[in-house]
Amino acid sequence: MSERHPIIAITGSSGAGTSTVTRTFQNIFRREGVSAAVIEGDSFHRFERKAMKQRMAEEEAQGNRHFSHFGAEGNRFEELEALFRDYAASGTGKSRKYLHNELEAAPYGQEPGTFTPWENLPTHTDLLFYEGLHGAVKTDTVDVARYPDLLIGVVPTINLEWIQKLIRDKTQRGYSQDAVVDTILRRMPDYVNFIVPQFGLTHVNFQRVPVVDTSNPFITRDIPTADESVCVVRFAQPKGIDFQYLLSMISGSWMSRANTIVVPGGKMEITMQLIFTPFIWRMMERKKRALGLA
């Protein structure tokens, strides 16, 4: 952790809703005048799209049907840890982008599914903001989780996660249901070993829980809406959290445990605003003191 160069990391699996958290923080940064170096987790994948497909085919030919973007072999965990370490120490580091589609790739004159060259982070940023799969990953050789000052986990219930992926990949990417199910099954060991353990290291977890029947995600035609869900917010260390204030500000909320508040799904973003804006204030105040500016 670093007072001079703080780090915020959002971690969650594909389709979990991390983009909602990212949008919330972008609004906070804009309102509070905070300059953030933004890091996309996909930029630390090890392979570009074509190379990944080839490697998956090679692994499957050798009997490994579980090679995926979720695991260590498909990612550059060491480089991600180095970035967090370097930024915490000096506010510097290198990043690149993974170009998901033609719209993202066009400005760079590259093909979708490729990486841009590594570049130095912008100078004089207030903090580093990471959003991706592995913001709290920890293995026998790598400990990314020790660097962020604020670690946030975003995860839906597992059936809801599958529903979101099934519908998104079929409608937006043109995949067949069999292909999406194959991806889910291939990722499962890495999901269990590399994704799930991160949520025990985070400072705050947001879990969206549908209140409609999702018993069979493979026949569901619609993603449950925010208003058809509740959001469970769990604090690893509840000391200092003003739960009474949150309960008074968020209509329909209640506490299910001493460190857990449940809010209506449609109020997830305002809940994040209320919780994280004071975090940002305190981060910036500590930074100013550490730099002798306050």
Protein backbone atom coordinates (compact mmCIF):
# COMPACT_ATOMS: atom_id res chain seq x y z
CA MET A 1 0.00 0.00 0.00
CA SER A 2 1.18 3.51 -0.73
CA GLU A 3 0.09 6.90 0.58
CA ARG A 4 1.91 8.77 -2.18
CA HIS A 5 0.77 6.54 -5.04
CA PRO A 6 -2.45 4.72 -4.08
CA ILE A 7 -3.96 1.86 -6.08
CA ILE A 8 -7.61 0.85 -6.47
CA ALA A 9 -8.31 -2.57 -7.98
CA ILE A 10 -11.65 -3.97 -9.12
CA THR A 11 -11.62 -7.73 -9.58
CA GLY A 12 -14.31 -10.00 -10.97
CA SER A 13 -14.83 -12.62 -13.62
CA SER A 14 -16.12 -12.09 -17.15
CA GLY A 15 -19.65 -10.71 -17.16
CA ALA A 16 -19.65 -10.11 -13.42
CA GLY A 17 -20.48 -6.41 -13.68
CA THR A 18 -17.09 -4.84 -13.04
CA SER A 19 -17.90 -2.27 -15.74
CA THR A 20 -20.66 -0.88 -13.49
CA VAL A 21 -18.12 -0.28 -10.73
CA THR A 22 -15.69 1.24 -13.21
CA ARG A 23 -18.36 3.67 -14.44
CA THR A 24 -19.11 4.65 -10.85
CA PHE A 25 -15.47 5.41 -10.14
CA GLN A 26 -15.12 7.37 -13.37
CA ASN A 27 -17.97 9.58 -12.18
CA ILE A 28 -16.34 10.02 -8.77
CA PHE A 29 -12.96 10.83 -10.35
CA ARG A 30 -14.53 13.41 -12.65
CA ARG A 31 -16.53 15.04 -9.87
CA GLU A 32 -13.62 15.13 -7.42
CA GLY A 33 -10.98 16.15 -9.97
CA VAL A 34 -8.92 12.97 -9.55
CA SER A 35 -6.48 11.96 -12.31
CA ALA A 36 -6.27 8.16 -12.62
CA ALA A 37 -3.94 5.89 -14.59
CA VAL A 38 -6.45 3.31 -15.88
CA ILE A 39 -5.33 -0.29 -16.36
CA GLU A 40 -7.43 -2.90 -18.16
CA GLY A 41 -6.88 -6.41 -16.86
CA ASP A 42 -7.13 -7.94 -20.34
CA SER A 43 -3.90 -6.16 -21.28
CA PHE A 44 -2.06 -8.66 -19.07
CA HIS A 45 -3.25 -11.71 -20.96
CA ARG A 46 -0.29 -13.66 -22.29
CA PHE A 47 -1.60 -14.29 -25.80
CA GLU A 48 -3.34 -12.35 -28.53
CA ARG A 49 -6.61 -13.82 -29.82
CA LYS A 50 -5.23 -15.94 -32.65
CA ALA A 51 -2.32 -17.20 -30.58
CA MET A 52 -4.68 -18.03 -27.72
CA LYS A 53 -6.87 -20.15 -29.98
CA GLN A 54 -3.82 -21.97 -31.27
CA ARG A 55 -2.50 -22.58 -27.76
CA MET A 56 -5.89 -23.85 -26.61
CA ALA A 57 -5.95 -26.30 -29.52
CA GLU A 58 -2.43 -27.49 -28.66
CA GLU A 59 -3.33 -27.96 -25.00
CA GLU A 60 -6.51 -29.83 -25.89
CA ALA A 61 -4.56 -32.12 -28.23
CA GLN A 62 -2.41 -33.01 -25.21
CA GLY A 63 -5.48 -33.79 -23.11
CA ASN A 64 -5.76 -30.44 -21.30
CA ARG A 65 -9.29 -29.16 -21.86
CA HIS A 66 -9.02 -26.48 -19.16
CA PHE A 67 -6.51 -23.98 -20.53
CA SER A 68 -8.12 -20.54 -20.15
CA HIS A 69 -7.71 -16.79 -19.67
CA PHE A 70 -8.56 -17.29 -16.00
CA GLY A 71 -5.36 -19.17 -15.08
CA ALA A 72 -1.69 -18.44 -14.57
CA GLU A 73 -0.47 -19.86 -17.88
CA GLY A 74 -2.76 -17.57 -19.84
CA ASN A 75 -1.69 -14.39 -18.06
CA ARG A 76 1.33 -12.29 -17.11
CA PHE A 77 0.87 -12.26 -13.34
CA GLU A 78 4.50 -11.33 -12.76
CA GLU A 79 4.22 -8.21 -14.95
CA LEU A 80 0.97 -7.21 -13.25
CA GLU A 81 2.58 -7.52 -9.84
CA ALA A 82 5.59 -5.52 -11.08
CA LEU A 83 3.30 -2.74 -12.32
CA PHE A 84 1.54 -2.50 -8.96
CA ARG A 85 4.87 -2.58 -7.12
CA ASP A 86 6.45 0.09 -9.33
CA TYR A 87 3.44 2.38 -9.20
CA ALA A 88 3.16 2.09 -5.41
CA ALA A 89 6.84 2.98 -5.09
CA SER A 90 7.20 5.75 -7.66
CA GLY A 91 3.95 6.39 -9.51
CA THR A 92 5.41 4.91 -12.70
CA GLY A 93 4.98 1.79 -14.81
CA LYS A 94 4.11 0.49 -18.24
CA SER A 95 0.76 -0.49 -19.72
CA ARG A 96 -0.84 -1.48 -23.01
CA LYS A 97 -4.32 -2.12 -24.33
CA TYR A 98 -6.04 -5.24 -25.60
CA LEU A 99 -8.18 -4.30 -28.59
CA HIS A 100 -11.37 -6.30 -28.24
CA ASN A 101 -13.18 -5.30 -31.43
CA GLU A 102 -12.93 -3.32 -34.65
CA LEU A 103 -14.08 -0.09 -32.99
CA GLU A 104 -11.25 -0.25 -30.45
CA ALA A 105 -8.70 -1.42 -33.00
CA ALA A 106 -9.39 1.17 -35.75
CA PRO A 107 -7.54 4.13 -34.14
CA TYR A 108 -4.40 1.99 -33.85
CA GLY A 109 -4.54 0.50 -37.34
CA GLN A 110 -4.43 -3.00 -35.85
CA GLU A 111 -6.58 -6.11 -35.95
CA PRO A 112 -9.07 -6.83 -33.18
CA GLY A 113 -7.70 -9.28 -30.65
CA THR A 114 -4.21 -7.75 -30.58
CA PHE A 115 -2.22 -5.74 -28.07
CA THR A 116 -0.95 -2.21 -28.50
CA PRO A 117 2.75 -1.64 -27.71
CA TRP A 118 3.78 -1.15 -24.08
CA GLU A 119 3.92 2.52 -23.09
CA ASN A 120 4.84 4.47 -19.98
CA LEU A 121 1.93 5.48 -17.77
CA PRO A 122 0.96 9.16 -17.80
CA THR A 123 3.01 11.24 -15.40
CA HIS A 124 1.69 12.91 -12.25
CA THR A 125 -1.44 10.81 -11.83
CA ASP A 126 -3.23 10.79 -8.47
CA LEU A 127 -3.79 7.03 -8.35
CA LEU A 128 -3.79 3.83 -10.38
CA PHE A 129 -7.15 2.21 -11.20
CA TYR A 130 -7.25 -1.44 -12.30
CA GLU A 131 -10.31 -3.33 -13.52
CA GLY A 132 -10.07 -6.96 -14.57
CA LEU A 133 -9.86 -10.60 -13.62
CA HIS A 134 -6.86 -10.64 -11.31
CA GLY A 135 -6.64 -7.51 -9.17
CA ALA A 136 -6.26 -9.64 -6.03
CA VAL A 137 -4.62 -12.75 -7.44
CA LYS A 138 -2.21 -14.62 -5.18
CA THR A 139 -0.16 -17.69 -6.05
CA ASP A 140 2.94 -19.41 -4.67
CA THR A 141 5.15 -16.93 -6.55
CA VAL A 142 3.00 -13.81 -7.04
CA ASP A 143 1.04 -11.64 -4.61
CA VAL A 144 -0.79 -8.90 -6.47
CA ALA A 145 -3.29 -8.47 -3.63
CA ARG A 146 -0.80 -6.91 -1.22
CA TYR A 147 -0.41 -3.68 -3.19
CA PRO A 148 -3.89 -2.11 -3.68
CA ASP A 149 -5.09 0.34 -1.04
CA LEU A 150 -8.67 -0.50 -1.95
CA LEU A 151 -9.65 -3.92 -3.31
CA ILE A 152 -13.21 -4.41 -4.54
CA GLY A 153 -14.72 -7.73 -5.60
CA VAL A 154 -17.69 -7.82 -7.95
CA VAL A 155 -19.42 -11.15 -8.39
CA PRO A 156 -22.97 -12.28 -9.17
CA THR A 157 -24.35 -15.59 -7.97
CA ILE A 158 -22.94 -18.30 -10.20
CA ASN A 159 -26.16 -18.99 -12.15
CA LEU A 160 -26.61 -15.27 -12.81
CA GLU A 161 -23.03 -15.06 -14.02
CA TRP A 162 -23.67 -17.90 -16.46
CA ILE A 163 -26.92 -16.30 -17.66
CA GLN A 164 -25.12 -13.03 -18.36
CA LYS A 165 -22.36 -14.79 -20.26
CA LEU A 166 -24.71 -17.03 -22.23
CA ILE A 167 -26.93 -14.19 -23.40
CA ARG A 168 -24.06 -11.77 -24.07
CA ASP A 169 -21.97 -14.23 -26.05
CA LYS A 170 -24.91 -15.50 -28.09
CA THR A 171 -26.46 -12.11 -28.89
CA GLN A 172 -23.37 -9.87 -29.13
CA ARG A 173 -20.68 -12.28 -30.30
CA GLY A 174 -22.68 -14.79 -32.33
CA TYR A 175 -21.54 -17.86 -30.39
CA SER A 176 -23.69 -20.97 -30.17
CA GLN A 177 -24.94 -22.09 -26.79
CA ASP A 178 -22.77 -25.21 -27.00
CA ALA A 179 -19.70 -23.04 -27.58
CA VAL A 180 -20.49 -20.85 -24.55
CA VAL A 181 -21.11 -23.87 -22.33
CA ASP A 182 -17.79 -25.34 -23.50
CA THR A 183 -16.06 -22.09 -22.47
CA ILE A 184 -17.71 -22.17 -19.03
CA LEU A 185 -16.62 -25.78 -18.46
CA ARG A 186 -13.09 -25.15 -19.74
CA ARG A 187 -12.63 -22.22 -17.36
CA MET A 188 -14.07 -23.93 -14.28
CA PRO A 189 -10.83 -25.24 -12.68
CA ASP A 190 -9.11 -21.86 -13.16
CA TYR A 191 -12.24 -20.10 -11.91
CA VAL A 192 -12.13 -22.14 -8.71
CA ASN A 193 -8.36 -21.85 -8.22
CA PHE A 194 -7.61 -18.28 -9.38
CA ILE A 195 -10.82 -16.21 -9.41
CA VAL A 196 -12.83 -17.31 -6.37
CA PRO A 197 -9.97 -17.07 -3.81
CA GLN A 198 -9.56 -13.36 -4.60
CA PHE A 199 -12.91 -12.56 -2.99
CA GLY A 200 -11.49 -13.62 0.37
CA LEU A 201 -8.75 -10.98 0.04
CA THR A 202 -10.85 -8.02 -1.04
CA HIS A 203 -11.81 -5.14 1.25
CA VAL A 204 -15.36 -4.86 -0.10
CA ASN A 205 -17.43 -7.34 -2.11
CA PHE A 206 -20.54 -6.60 -4.15
CA GLN A 207 -22.62 -9.65 -5.00
CA ARG A 208 -25.77 -9.31 -7.11
CA VAL A 209 -28.39 -11.89 -6.20
CA PRO A 210 -31.48 -12.29 -8.43
CA VAL A 211 -34.86 -12.66 -6.76
CA VAL A 212 -36.37 -14.45 -9.76
CA ASP A 213 -35.93 -18.09 -10.70
CA THR A 214 -32.50 -18.76 -12.23
CA SER A 215 -32.47 -22.48 -11.44
CA ASN A 216 -31.66 -23.45 -15.03
CA PRO A 217 -29.47 -20.71 -16.57
CA PHE A 218 -29.31 -22.60 -19.87
CA ILE A 219 -32.96 -22.01 -20.71
CA THR A 220 -33.32 -18.48 -19.36
CA ARG A 221 -34.06 -15.95 -22.10
CA ASP A 222 -33.53 -12.70 -20.19
CA ILE A 223 -30.93 -11.43 -17.77
CA PRO A 224 -32.64 -10.52 -14.48
CA THR A 225 -32.82 -6.75 -14.23
CA ALA A 226 -31.38 -4.67 -11.42
CA ASP A 227 -34.87 -4.26 -10.00
CA GLU A 228 -35.22 -8.05 -9.98
CA SER A 229 -32.14 -8.35 -7.80
CA VAL A 230 -30.64 -7.36 -4.49
CA CYS A 231 -27.00 -6.49 -3.92
CA VAL A 232 -25.12 -7.90 -0.94
CA VAL A 233 -22.27 -5.62 0.18
CA ARG A 234 -19.74 -7.22 2.52
CA PHE A 235 -16.94 -5.29 4.28
CA ALA A 236 -13.90 -7.29 5.39
CA GLN A 237 -13.23 -4.70 8.13
CA PRO A 238 -16.46 -2.92 9.08
CA LYS A 239 -14.77 -0.59 11.58
CA GLY A 240 -15.30 2.99 10.44
CA ILE A 241 -18.20 2.18 8.12
CA ASP A 242 -21.25 4.29 9.03
CA PHE A 243 -23.94 1.68 8.49
CA GLN A 244 -26.66 3.84 10.05
CA TYR A 245 -25.91 6.57 7.51
CA LEU A 246 -26.06 4.08 4.63
CA LEU A 247 -29.33 2.60 5.91
CA SER A 248 -30.86 6.07 6.19
CA MET A 249 -29.71 7.09 2.70
CA ILE A 250 -30.61 3.87 0.82
CA SER A 251 -34.32 3.17 0.93
CA GLY A 252 -35.14 -0.51 1.29
CA SER A 253 -31.71 -1.52 2.62
CA TRP A 254 -31.06 -3.67 5.67
CA MET A 255 -28.19 -5.37 7.47
CA SER A 256 -27.96 -9.16 7.28
CA ARG A 257 -24.77 -9.41 9.35
CA ALA A 258 -22.58 -7.06 11.36
CA ASN A 259 -20.37 -6.47 8.32
CA THR A 260 -22.98 -6.83 5.56
CA ILE A 261 -25.63 -4.53 4.13
CA VAL A 262 -28.21 -5.59 1.54
CA VAL A 263 -29.54 -2.97 -0.87
CA PRO A 264 -32.07 -3.07 -3.73
CA GLY A 265 -30.33 -3.97 -6.98
CA GLY A 266 -31.43 -0.74 -8.63
CA LYS A 267 -29.57 1.24 -5.96
CA MET A 268 -26.21 -0.47 -6.46
CA GLU A 269 -24.56 2.52 -8.13
CA ILE A 270 -25.73 5.11 -5.57
CA THR A 271 -24.56 2.71 -2.85
CA MET A 272 -21.11 2.65 -4.42
CA GLN A 273 -21.11 6.44 -4.63
CA LEU A 274 -21.96 6.75 -0.95
CA ILE A 275 -19.37 4.18 0.13
CA PHE A 276 -16.43 5.03 -2.10
CA THR A 277 -16.51 8.82 -2.34
CA PRO A 278 -15.28 9.15 1.29
CA PHE A 279 -12.60 6.52 0.51
CA ILE A 280 -11.33 8.72 -2.33
CA TRP A 281 -11.38 11.81 -0.10
CA ARG A 282 -9.26 10.05 2.51
CA MET A 283 -6.85 8.70 -0.11
CA MET A 284 -6.27 12.15 -1.55
CA GLU A 285 -5.87 13.69 1.91
CA ARG A 286 -3.22 11.10 2.86
CA LYS A 287 -1.47 11.65 -0.46
CA LYS A 288 -1.31 15.42 0.11
CA ARG A 289 0.07 14.94 3.62
CA ALA A 290 2.67 12.45 2.41
CA LEU A 291 3.77 14.92 -0.29
CA GLY A 292 3.83 17.82 2.19
CA LEU A 293 1.00 19.61 0.42
CA ALA A 294 -1.39 19.73 3.35
